Amino acid sequence: MAKKRVEETKIFQILKEAESGVPMKELSRKYGFTEQTLYRWRNQYGGLELSDIQKMKELERENSELKKIVANM
């Protein structure tokens, strides 16, 4: 199965709902992600602000591109 690219704003929105007490199982059904994915996002991005999540995702993309460049050297 191909990975979905998820906008940072969507991750932030889902995590805010989880923080407000909405069960992960319900969020999983509502947004179409596995509970495991939601828990991973919570562990990875929980407590961060949207701008922090956006910066982190941008750094991850940049890191991935740099790894590809180095691998092709």
C-alpha atoms as a PDB file:
ATOM      1  CA  MET A   1       0.000   0.000   0.000  1.00  0.00           C
ATOM      2  CA  ALA A   2       1.335   3.428  -0.938  1.00  0.00           C
ATOM      3  CA  LYS A   3       2.015   5.965   1.780  1.00  0.00           C
ATOM      4  CA  LYS A   4      -0.334   8.918   1.959  1.00  0.00           C
ATOM      5  CA  ARG A   5       1.224  12.357   2.180  1.00  0.00           C
ATOM      6  CA  VAL A   6      -0.606  14.076   4.990  1.00  0.00           C
ATOM      7  CA  GLU A   7      -0.677  17.833   5.389  1.00  0.00           C
ATOM      8  CA  GLU A   8       0.723  19.126   8.660  1.00  0.00           C
ATOM      9  CA  THR A   9      -2.509  20.986   9.329  1.00  0.00           C
ATOM     10  CA  LYS A  10      -4.460  17.707   9.150  1.00  0.00           C
ATOM     11  CA  ILE A  11      -2.090  15.992  11.600  1.00  0.00           C
ATOM     12  CA  PHE A  12      -2.347  18.989  13.937  1.00  0.00           C
ATOM     13  CA  GLN A  13      -6.159  18.940  13.714  1.00  0.00           C
ATOM     14  CA  ILE A  14      -6.360  15.211  14.467  1.00  0.00           C
ATOM     15  CA  LEU A  15      -3.965  15.492  17.417  1.00  0.00           C
ATOM     16  CA  LYS A  16      -5.950  18.408  18.854  1.00  0.00           C
ATOM     17  CA  GLU A  17      -9.103  16.274  18.697  1.00  0.00           C
ATOM     18  CA  ALA A  18      -7.254  13.437  20.446  1.00  0.00           C
ATOM     19  CA  GLU A  19      -6.070  15.831  23.162  1.00  0.00           C
ATOM     20  CA  SER A  20      -9.658  16.953  23.711  1.00  0.00           C
ATOM     21  CA  GLY A  21     -10.619  13.377  24.576  1.00  0.00           C
ATOM     22  CA  VAL A  22     -11.854  11.888  21.300  1.00  0.00           C
ATOM     23  CA  PRO A  23     -10.875   8.174  21.296  1.00  0.00           C
ATOM     24  CA  MET A  24      -8.213   7.097  18.795  1.00  0.00           C
ATOM     25  CA  LYS A  25     -10.527   4.380  17.478  1.00  0.00           C
ATOM     26  CA  GLU A  26     -13.120   7.020  16.571  1.00  0.00           C
ATOM     27  CA  LEU A  27     -10.511   9.286  14.961  1.00  0.00           C
ATOM     28  CA  SER A  28      -9.170   6.299  13.039  1.00  0.00           C
ATOM     29  CA  ARG A  29     -12.581   5.632  11.504  1.00  0.00           C
ATOM     30  CA  LYS A  30     -13.320   9.310  10.924  1.00  0.00           C
ATOM     31  CA  TYR A  31     -10.104  10.116   9.047  1.00  0.00           C
ATOM     32  CA  GLY A  32      -9.231   6.728   7.538  1.00  0.00           C
ATOM     33  CA  PHE A  33      -5.873   6.189   9.252  1.00  0.00           C
ATOM     34  CA  THR A  34      -4.909   3.216  11.386  1.00  0.00           C
ATOM     35  CA  GLU A  35      -4.824   3.654  15.141  1.00  0.00           C
ATOM     36  CA  GLN A  36      -1.131   2.768  14.981  1.00  0.00           C
ATOM     37  CA  THR A  37      -0.518   5.759  12.687  1.00  0.00           C
ATOM     38  CA  LEU A  38      -2.409   8.079  15.021  1.00  0.00           C
ATOM     39  CA  TYR A  39      -0.443   6.877  18.049  1.00  0.00           C
ATOM     40  CA  ARG A  40       2.828   7.284  16.099  1.00  0.00           C
ATOM     41  CA  TRP A  41       1.872  10.874  15.232  1.00  0.00           C
ATOM     42  CA  ARG A  42       0.983  11.531  18.850  1.00  0.00           C
ATOM     43  CA  ASN A  43       4.368  10.211  19.998  1.00  0.00           C
ATOM     44  CA  GLN A  44       6.218  12.084  17.269  1.00  0.00           C
ATOM     45  CA  TYR A  45       4.335  15.397  17.203  1.00  0.00           C
ATOM     46  CA  GLY A  46       2.342  15.512  20.444  1.00  0.00           C
ATOM     47  CA  GLY A  47       2.734  18.771  22.329  1.00  0.00           C
ATOM     48  CA  LEU A  48       4.138  20.615  19.327  1.00  0.00           C
ATOM     49  CA  GLU A  49       2.571  23.638  17.704  1.00  0.00           C
ATOM     50  CA  LEU A  50       1.615  23.619  14.034  1.00  0.00           C
ATOM     51  CA  SER A  51       4.673  25.675  13.057  1.00  0.00           C
ATOM     52  CA  ASP A  52       6.934  23.150  14.824  1.00  0.00           C
ATOM     53  CA  ILE A  53       5.295  20.260  12.967  1.00  0.00           C
ATOM     54  CA  GLN A  54       5.724  22.079   9.650  1.00  0.00           C
ATOM     55  CA  LYS A  55       9.412  22.743  10.353  1.00  0.00           C
ATOM     56  CA  MET A  56       9.970  19.125  11.371  1.00  0.00           C
ATOM     57  CA  LYS A  57       8.281  17.767   8.223  1.00  0.00           C
ATOM     58  CA  GLU A  58      10.311  20.137   6.026  1.00  0.00           C
ATOM     59  CA  LEU A  59      13.554  18.993   7.679  1.00  0.00           C
ATOM     60  CA  GLU A  60      12.545  15.345   7.182  1.00  0.00           C
ATOM     61  CA  ARG A  61      11.927  16.001   3.459  1.00  0.00           C
ATOM     62  CA  GLU A  62      15.245  17.812   3.105  1.00  0.00           C
ATOM     63  CA  ASN A  63      17.071  15.017   4.930  1.00  0.00           C
ATOM     64  CA  SER A  64      15.520  12.426   2.620  1.00  0.00           C
ATOM     65  CA  GLU A  65      16.600  14.378  -0.469  1.00  0.00           C
ATOM     66  CA  LEU A  66      20.146  14.739   0.842  1.00  0.00           C
ATOM     67  CA  LYS A  67      20.360  11.005   1.568  1.00  0.00           C
ATOM     68  CA  LYS A  68      19.336  10.269  -2.037  1.00  0.00           C
ATOM     69  CA  ILE A  69      22.003  12.652  -3.353  1.00  0.00           C
ATOM     70  CA  VAL A  70      24.705  11.054  -1.205  1.00  0.00           C
ATOM     71  CA  ALA A  71      23.594   7.559  -2.237  1.00  0.00           C
ATOM     72  CA  ASN A  72      24.003   8.496  -5.909  1.00  0.00           C
ATOM     73  CA  MET A  73      27.569   9.768  -5.486  1.00  0.00           C
END
